């Protein structure tokens, strides 16, 4: 894969992960379009288990980005040998 595309993909995964870890615990999560227009979602979306699940997906994204960095550095060292 092209180095530039791989770097963009790693950056995107890391940013999405960081946003998904932070966002469920911020005030933006409590005051958004869907909760205003669909009040039946309030008990579900504000439940700590749902917030934790979304944060967990964010942690997985960050781990994926770290794995992609590790794999690209291993590929580079193998190519130089």
PDB file of N, CA and C in Angstrom:
ATOM      1  N   UNK A   1       0.855  -1.173   0.000  1.00  0.00           N
ATOM      2  CA  UNK A   1       0.000   0.000   0.000  1.00  0.00           C
ATOM      3  C   UNK A   1       0.899   1.233   0.000  1.00  0.00           C
ATOM      4  N   UNK A   2       0.470   2.251  -0.645  1.00  0.00           N
ATOM      5  CA  UNK A   2       1.203   3.505  -0.709  1.00  0.00           C
ATOM      6  C   UNK A   2       1.423   4.052   0.702  1.00  0.00           C
ATOM      7  N   UNK A   3       2.614   4.579   0.967  1.00  0.00           N
ATOM      8  CA  UNK A   3       2.944   5.071   2.308  1.00  0.00           C
ATOM      9  C   UNK A   3       2.041   6.232   2.719  1.00  0.00           C
ATOM     10  N   UNK A   4       1.733   7.092   1.760  1.00  0.00           N
ATOM     11  CA  UNK A   4       0.881   8.245   2.055  1.00  0.00           C
ATOM     12  C   UNK A   4      -0.529   7.796   2.432  1.00  0.00           C
ATOM     13  N   UNK A   5      -1.076   6.858   1.690  1.00  0.00           N
ATOM     14  CA  UNK A   5      -2.421   6.355   1.976  1.00  0.00           C
ATOM     15  C   UNK A   5      -2.441   5.649   3.323  1.00  0.00           C
ATOM     16  N   UNK A   6      -1.399   4.870   3.607  1.00  0.00           N
ATOM     17  CA  UNK A   6      -1.320   4.184   4.897  1.00  0.00           C
ATOM     18  C   UNK A   6      -1.237   5.183   6.042  1.00  0.00           C
ATOM     19  N   UNK A   7      -0.465   6.250   5.871  1.00  0.00           N
ATOM     20  CA  UNK A   7      -0.360   7.267   6.913  1.00  0.00           C
ATOM     21  C   UNK A   7      -1.706   7.956   7.137  1.00  0.00           C
ATOM     22  N   UNK A   8      -2.417   8.255   6.055  1.00  0.00           N
ATOM     23  CA  UNK A   8      -3.744   8.863   6.206  1.00  0.00           C
ATOM     24  C   UNK A   8      -4.715   7.919   6.906  1.00  0.00           C
ATOM     25  N   UNK A   9      -4.645   6.642   6.582  1.00  0.00           N
ATOM     26  CA  UNK A   9      -5.523   5.666   7.215  1.00  0.00           C
ATOM     27  C   UNK A   9      -5.229   5.529   8.705  1.00  0.00           C
ATOM     28  N   UNK A  10      -3.961   5.511   9.068  1.00  0.00           N
ATOM     29  CA  UNK A  10      -3.583   5.446  10.483  1.00  0.00           C
ATOM     30  C   UNK A  10      -4.072   6.691  11.210  1.00  0.00           C
ATOM     31  N   UNK A  11      -3.882   7.848  10.598  1.00  0.00           N
ATOM     32  CA  UNK A  11      -4.331   9.100  11.209  1.00  0.00           C
ATOM     33  C   UNK A  11      -5.847   9.120  11.380  1.00  0.00           C
ATOM     34  N   UNK A  12      -6.558   8.662  10.365  1.00  0.00           N
ATOM     35  CA  UNK A  12      -8.014   8.618  10.434  1.00  0.00           C
ATOM     36  C   UNK A  12      -8.488   7.671  11.542  1.00  0.00           C
ATOM     37  N   UNK A  13      -7.896   6.482  11.625  1.00  0.00           N
ATOM     38  CA  UNK A  13      -8.283   5.531  12.672  1.00  0.00           C
ATOM     39  C   UNK A  13      -8.006   6.097  14.058  1.00  0.00           C
ATOM     40  N   UNK A  14      -6.845   6.739  14.220  1.00  0.00           N
ATOM     41  CA  UNK A  14      -6.522   7.295  15.528  1.00  0.00           C
ATOM     42  C   UNK A  14      -7.464   8.434  15.902  1.00  0.00           C
ATOM     43  N   UNK A  15      -7.753   9.318  14.953  1.00  0.00           N
ATOM     44  CA  UNK A  15      -8.662  10.434  15.239  1.00  0.00           C
ATOM     45  C   UNK A  15     -10.071   9.945  15.570  1.00  0.00           C
ATOM     46  N   UNK A  16     -10.565   9.001  14.780  1.00  0.00           N
ATOM     47  CA  UNK A  16     -11.902   8.465  15.057  1.00  0.00           C
ATOM     48  C   UNK A  16     -11.941   7.804  16.424  1.00  0.00           C
ATOM     49  N   UNK A  17     -10.887   7.086  16.762  1.00  0.00           N
ATOM     50  CA  UNK A  17     -10.824   6.445  18.071  1.00  0.00           C
ATOM     51  C   UNK A  17     -10.835   7.451  19.204  1.00  0.00           C
ATOM     52  N   UNK A  18     -10.027   8.502  19.052  1.00  0.00           N
ATOM     53  CA  UNK A  18      -9.981   9.529  20.096  1.00  0.00           C
ATOM     54  C   UNK A  18     -11.326  10.228  20.251  1.00  0.00           C
ATOM     55  N   UNK A  19     -11.989  10.492  19.140  1.00  0.00           N
ATOM     56  CA  UNK A  19     -13.313  11.134  19.205  1.00  0.00           C
ATOM     57  C   UNK A  19     -14.321  10.197  19.866  1.00  0.00           C
ATOM     58  N   UNK A  20     -14.283   8.914  19.507  1.00  0.00           N
ATOM     59  CA  UNK A  20     -15.241   7.969  20.083  1.00  0.00           C
ATOM     60  C   UNK A  20     -14.972   7.689  21.558  1.00  0.00           C
ATOM     61  N   UNK A  21     -13.744   7.844  21.994  1.00  0.00           N
ATOM     62  CA  UNK A  21     -13.462   7.684  23.424  1.00  0.00           C
ATOM     63  C   UNK A  21     -13.981   8.892  24.200  1.00  0.00           C
ATOM     64  N   UNK A  22     -13.796  10.077  23.660  1.00  0.00           N
ATOM     65  CA  UNK A  22     -14.148  11.307  24.374  1.00  0.00           C
ATOM     66  C   UNK A  22     -15.629  11.680  24.265  1.00  0.00           C
ATOM     67  N   UNK A  23     -16.194  11.558  23.085  1.00  0.00           N
ATOM     68  CA  UNK A  23     -17.522  12.110  22.804  1.00  0.00           C
ATOM     69  C   UNK A  23     -18.641  11.593  23.710  1.00  0.00           C
ATOM     70  N   UNK A  24     -18.739  10.300  24.013  1.00  0.00           N
ATOM     71  CA  UNK A  24     -19.869   9.856  24.839  1.00  0.00           C
ATOM     72  C   UNK A  24     -19.901  10.452  26.243  1.00  0.00           C
ATOM     73  N   UNK A  25     -18.791  10.946  26.722  1.00  0.00           N
ATOM     74  CA  UNK A  25     -18.740  11.488  28.076  1.00  0.00           C
ATOM     75  C   UNK A  25     -18.767  13.003  28.089  1.00  0.00           C
ATOM     76  N   UNK A  26     -18.950  13.627  26.923  1.00  0.00           N
ATOM     77  CA  UNK A  26     -19.001  15.086  26.858  1.00  0.00           C
ATOM     78  C   UNK A  26     -20.455  15.566  26.838  1.00  0.00           C
ATOM     79  N   UNK A  27     -20.618  16.867  26.936  1.00  0.00           N
ATOM     80  CA  UNK A  27     -21.969  17.433  26.918  1.00  0.00           C
ATOM     81  C   UNK A  27     -22.590  17.377  25.525  1.00  0.00           C
ATOM     82  N   UNK A  28     -21.773  17.243  24.493  1.00  0.00           N
ATOM     83  CA  UNK A  28     -22.307  17.121  23.137  1.00  0.00           C
ATOM     84  C   UNK A  28     -23.164  15.869  22.985  1.00  0.00           C
ATOM     85  N   UNK A  29     -22.824  14.817  23.710  1.00  0.00           N
ATOM     86  CA  UNK A  29     -23.570  13.562  23.645  1.00  0.00           C
ATOM     87  C   UNK A  29     -24.976  13.740  24.215  1.00  0.00           C
ATOM     88  N   UNK A  30     -25.101  14.587  25.213  1.00  0.00           N
ATOM     89  CA  UNK A  30     -26.388  14.765  25.889  1.00  0.00           C
ATOM     90  C   UNK A  30     -27.302  15.748  25.164  1.00  0.00           C
ATOM     91  N   UNK A  31     -26.741  16.599  24.344  1.00  0.00           N
ATOM     92  CA  UNK A  31     -27.535  17.609  23.643  1.00  0.00           C
ATOM     93  C   UNK A  31     -27.239  17.526  22.152  1.00  0.00           C
ATOM     94  N   UNK A  32     -27.876  16.588  21.460  1.00  0.00           N
ATOM     95  CA  UNK A  32     -27.642  16.460  20.031  1.00  0.00           C
ATOM     96  C   UNK A  32     -28.963  16.349  19.275  1.00  0.00           C
ATOM     97  N   UNK A  33     -28.875  16.317  17.985  1.00  0.00           N
ATOM     98  CA  UNK A  33     -30.048  16.321  17.107  1.00  0.00           C
ATOM     99  C   UNK A  33     -30.989  15.152  17.400  1.00  0.00           C
ATOM    100  N   UNK A  34     -30.442  13.969  17.525  1.00  0.00           N
ATOM    101  CA  UNK A  34     -31.284  12.790  17.676  1.00  0.00           C
ATOM    102  C   UNK A  34     -32.029  12.782  19.007  1.00  0.00           C
ATOM    103  N   UNK A  35     -31.402  13.218  20.070  1.00  0.00           N
ATOM    104  CA  UNK A  35     -32.079  13.230  21.365  1.00  0.00           C
ATOM    105  C   UNK A  35     -33.144  14.311  21.431  1.00  0.00           C
ATOM    106  N   UNK A  36     -32.951  15.393  20.700  1.00  0.00           N
ATOM    107  CA  UNK A  36     -33.956  16.460  20.680  1.00  0.00           C
ATOM    108  C   UNK A  36     -35.187  16.023  19.886  1.00  0.00           C
ATOM    109  N   UNK A  37     -34.950  15.386  18.738  1.00  0.00           N
ATOM    110  CA  UNK A  37     -36.068  15.015  17.861  1.00  0.00           C
ATOM    111  C   UNK A  37     -36.669  13.644  18.174  1.00  0.00           C
ATOM    112  N   UNK A  38     -35.938  12.807  18.873  1.00  0.00           N
ATOM    113  CA  UNK A  38     -36.437  11.477  19.235  1.00  0.00           C
ATOM    114  C   UNK A  38     -36.233  11.261  20.730  1.00  0.00           C
ATOM    115  N   UNK A  39     -37.123  11.806  21.562  1.00  0.00           N
ATOM    116  CA  UNK A  39     -36.940  11.727  23.016  1.00  0.00           C
ATOM    117  C   UNK A  39     -36.956  10.293  23.562  1.00  0.00           C
ATOM    118  N   UNK A  40     -37.496   9.352  22.804  1.00  0.00           N
ATOM    119  CA  UNK A  40     -37.507   7.967  23.273  1.00  0.00           C
ATOM    120  C   UNK A  40     -36.093   7.382  23.326  1.00  0.00           C
ATOM    121  N   UNK A  41     -35.153   7.986  22.624  1.00  0.00           N
ATOM    122  CA  UNK A  41     -33.770   7.500  22.635  1.00  0.00           C
ATOM    123  C   UNK A  41     -32.981   7.950  23.869  1.00  0.00           C
ATOM    124  N   UNK A  42     -33.508   8.901  24.617  1.00  0.00           N
ATOM    125  CA  UNK A  42     -32.766   9.466  25.744  1.00  0.00           C
ATOM    126  C   UNK A  42     -32.337   8.402  26.756  1.00  0.00           C
ATOM    127  N   UNK A  43     -33.235   7.519  27.226  1.00  0.00           N
ATOM    128  CA  UNK A  43     -32.778   6.536  28.208  1.00  0.00           C
ATOM    129  C   UNK A  43     -31.728   5.569  27.655  1.00  0.00           C
ATOM    130  N   UNK A  44     -31.811   5.277  26.374  1.00  0.00           N
ATOM    131  CA  UNK A  44     -30.852   4.342  25.779  1.00  0.00           C
ATOM    132  C   UNK A  44     -29.504   5.011  25.566  1.00  0.00           C
ATOM    133  N   UNK A  45     -29.505   6.170  24.935  1.00  0.00           N
ATOM    134  CA  UNK A  45     -28.253   6.825  24.580  1.00  0.00           C
ATOM    135  C   UNK A  45     -27.496   7.386  25.779  1.00  0.00           C
ATOM    136  N   UNK A  46     -28.206   7.702  26.854  1.00  0.00           N
ATOM    137  CA  UNK A  46     -27.534   8.234  28.037  1.00  0.00           C
ATOM    138  C   UNK A  46     -27.184   7.152  29.047  1.00  0.00           C
ATOM    139  N   UNK A  47     -27.481   5.907  28.731  1.00  0.00           N
ATOM    140  CA  UNK A  47     -27.130   4.800  29.626  1.00  0.00           C
ATOM    141  C   UNK A  47     -25.612   4.606  29.610  1.00  0.00           C
ATOM    142  N   UNK A  48     -25.015   4.419  30.785  1.00  0.00           N
ATOM    143  CA  UNK A  48     -23.552   4.261  30.843  1.00  0.00           C
ATOM    144  C   UNK A  48     -23.021   3.075  30.037  1.00  0.00           C
ATOM    145  N   UNK A  49     -23.798   2.022  29.878  1.00  0.00           N
ATOM    146  CA  UNK A  49     -23.328   0.873  29.103  1.00  0.00           C
ATOM    147  C   UNK A  49     -23.185   1.220  27.626  1.00  0.00           C
ATOM    148  N   UNK A  50     -24.102   2.019  27.095  1.00  0.00           N
ATOM    149  CA  UNK A  50     -24.009   2.439  25.696  1.00  0.00           C
ATOM    150  C   UNK A  50     -22.819   3.373  25.520  1.00  0.00           C
ATOM    151  N   UNK A  51     -22.650   4.272  26.452  1.00  0.00           N
ATOM    152  CA  UNK A  51     -21.493   5.173  26.390  1.00  0.00           C
ATOM    153  C   UNK A  51     -20.188   4.378  26.460  1.00  0.00           C
ATOM    154  N   UNK A  52     -20.147   3.387  27.334  1.00  0.00           N
ATOM    155  CA  UNK A  52     -18.957   2.548  27.449  1.00  0.00           C
ATOM    156  C   UNK A  52     -18.696   1.739  26.192  1.00  0.00           C
ATOM    157  N   UNK A  53     -19.758   1.249  25.561  1.00  0.00           N
ATOM    158  CA  UNK A  53     -19.591   0.486  24.324  1.00  0.00           C
ATOM    159  C   UNK A  53     -19.022   1.363  23.210  1.00  0.00           C
ATOM    160  N   UNK A  54     -19.512   2.587  23.105  1.00  0.00           N
ATOM    161  CA  UNK A  54     -18.996   3.497  22.080  1.00  0.00           C
ATOM    162  C   UNK A  54     -17.539   3.843  22.378  1.00  0.00           C
ATOM    163  N   UNK A  55     -17.213   4.070  23.647  1.00  0.00           N
ATOM    164  CA  UNK A  55     -15.823   4.335  24.018  1.00  0.00           C
ATOM    165  C   UNK A  55     -14.941   3.118  23.741  1.00  0.00           C
ATOM    166  N   UNK A  56     -15.478   1.932  23.955  1.00  0.00           N
ATOM    167  CA  UNK A  56     -14.730   0.713  23.661  1.00  0.00           C
ATOM    168  C   UNK A  56     -14.407   0.580  22.188  1.00  0.00           C
ATOM    169  N   UNK A  57     -15.340   0.960  21.331  1.00  0.00           N
ATOM    170  CA  UNK A  57     -15.076   0.953  19.892  1.00  0.00           C
ATOM    171  C   UNK A  57     -13.965   1.954  19.570  1.00  0.00           C
ATOM    172  N   UNK A  58     -13.957   3.081  20.278  1.00  0.00           N
ATOM    173  CA  UNK A  58     -12.889   4.060  20.080  1.00  0.00           C
ATOM    174  C   UNK A  58     -11.533   3.514  20.491  1.00  0.00           C
ATOM    175  N   UNK A  59     -11.491   2.786  21.600  1.00  0.00           N
ATOM    176  CA  UNK A  59     -10.231   2.164  22.036  1.00  0.00           C
ATOM    177  C   UNK A  59      -9.763   1.150  21.001  1.00  0.00           C
ATOM    178  N   UNK A  60     -10.697   0.372  20.451  1.00  0.00           N
ATOM    179  CA  UNK A  60     -10.326  -0.588  19.400  1.00  0.00           C
ATOM    180  C   UNK A  60      -9.768   0.117  18.168  1.00  0.00           C
ATOM    181  N   UNK A  61     -10.320   1.267  17.819  1.00  0.00           N
ATOM    182  CA  UNK A  61      -9.786   2.046  16.692  1.00  0.00           C
ATOM    183  C   UNK A  61      -8.355   2.499  16.965  1.00  0.00           C
ATOM    184  N   UNK A  62      -8.088   2.940  18.180  1.00  0.00           N
ATOM    185  CA  UNK A  62      -6.734   3.384  18.529  1.00  0.00           C
ATOM    186  C   UNK A  62      -5.767   2.202  18.494  1.00  0.00           C
ATOM    187  N   UNK A  63      -6.200   1.046  18.990  1.00  0.00           N
ATOM    188  CA  UNK A  63      -5.362  -0.159  18.939  1.00  0.00           C
ATOM    189  C   UNK A  63      -5.103  -0.565  17.493  1.00  0.00           C
ATOM    190  N   UNK A  64      -6.120  -0.452  16.646  1.00  0.00           N
ATOM    191  CA  UNK A  64      -5.952  -0.759  15.230  1.00  0.00           C
ATOM    192  C   UNK A  64      -4.915   0.163  14.592  1.00  0.00           C
ATOM    193  N   UNK A  65      -4.972   1.439  14.909  1.00  0.00           N
ATOM    194  CA  UNK A  65      -3.999   2.389  14.362  1.00  0.00           C
ATOM    195  C   UNK A  65      -2.588   2.054  14.838  1.00  0.00           C
ATOM    196  N   UNK A  66      -2.444   1.692  16.108  1.00  0.00           N
ATOM    197  CA  UNK A  66      -1.123   1.311  16.629  1.00  0.00           C
ATOM    198  C   UNK A  66      -0.621   0.044  15.944  1.00  0.00           C
ATOM    199  N   UNK A  67      -1.506  -0.898  15.709  1.00  0.00           N
ATOM    200  CA  UNK A  67      -1.114  -2.118  15.008  1.00  0.00           C
ATOM    201  C   UNK A  67      -0.692  -1.843  13.579  1.00  0.00           C
ATOM    202  N   UNK A  68      -1.368  -0.921  12.927  1.00  0.00           N
ATOM    203  CA  UNK A  68      -0.989  -0.568  11.560  1.00  0.00           C
ATOM    204  C   UNK A  68       0.374   0.111  11.530  1.00  0.00           C
ATOM    205  N   UNK A  69       0.670   0.920  12.535  1.00  0.00           N
ATOM    206  CA  UNK A  69       1.993   1.552  12.617  1.00  0.00           C
ATOM    207  C   UNK A  69       3.057   0.486  12.831  1.00  0.00           C
ATOM    208  N   UNK A  70       2.789  -0.435  13.741  1.00  0.00           N
ATOM    209  CA  UNK A  70       3.746  -1.498  14.038  1.00  0.00           C
ATOM    210  C   UNK A  70       3.984  -2.367  12.801  1.00  0.00           C
ATOM    211  N   UNK A  71       2.906  -2.701  12.096  1.00  0.00           N
ATOM    212  CA  UNK A  71       3.027  -3.546  10.913  1.00  0.00           C
ATOM    213  C   UNK A  71       3.806  -2.838   9.810  1.00  0.00           C
ATOM    214  N   UNK A  72       3.577  -1.535   9.654  1.00  0.00           N
ATOM    215  CA  UNK A  72       4.297  -0.814   8.599  1.00  0.00           C
ATOM    216  C   UNK A  72       5.780  -0.695   8.939  1.00  0.00           C
ATOM    217  N   UNK A  73       6.117  -0.565  10.221  1.00  0.00           N
ATOM    218  CA  UNK A  73       7.533  -0.493  10.587  1.00  0.00           C
ATOM    219  C   UNK A  73       8.200  -1.856  10.411  1.00  0.00           C
ATOM    220  N   UNK A  74       7.464  -2.948  10.655  1.00  0.00           N
ATOM    221  CA  UNK A  74       8.016  -4.286  10.425  1.00  0.00           C
ATOM    222  C   UNK A  74       8.205  -4.536   8.938  1.00  0.00           C
ATOM    223  N   UNK A  75       7.262  -4.068   8.120  1.00  0.00           N
ATOM    224  CA  UNK A  75       7.382  -4.230   6.670  1.00  0.00           C
ATOM    225  C   UNK A  75       8.583  -3.456   6.145  1.00  0.00           C
ATOM    226  N   UNK A  76       8.809  -2.272   6.693  1.00  0.00           N
ATOM    227  CA  UNK A  76       9.934  -1.454   6.242  1.00  0.00           C
ATOM    228  C   UNK A  76      11.264  -2.106   6.641  1.00  0.00           C
ATOM    229  N   UNK A  77      11.334  -2.675   7.841  1.00  0.00           N
ATOM    230  CA  UNK A  77      12.581  -3.316   8.269  1.00  0.00           C
ATOM    231  C   UNK A  77      12.826  -4.605   7.481  1.00  0.00           C
ATOM    232  N   UNK A  78      11.780  -5.317   7.127  1.00  0.00           N
ATOM    233  CA  UNK A  78      11.929  -6.538   6.335  1.00  0.00           C
ATOM    234  C   UNK A  78      12.356  -6.210   4.913  1.00  0.00           C
ATOM    235  N   UNK A  79      11.889  -5.091   4.381  1.00  0.00           N
ATOM    236  CA  UNK A  79      12.242  -4.713   3.016  1.00  0.00           C
ATOM    237  C   UNK A  79      13.694  -4.243   2.931  1.00  0.00           C
ATOM    238  N   UNK A  80      14.230  -3.692   4.022  1.00  0.00           N
ATOM    239  CA  UNK A  80      15.589  -3.197   3.989  1.00  0.00           C
ATOM    240  C   UNK A  80      16.626  -4.310   4.160  1.00  0.00           C
ATOM    241  N   UNK A  81      16.183  -5.477   4.591  1.00  0.00           N
ATOM    242  CA  UNK A  81      17.123  -6.584   4.808  1.00  0.00           C
ATOM    243  C   UNK A  81      17.399  -7.339   3.562  1.00  0.00           C
TER     244      UNK A  81
END
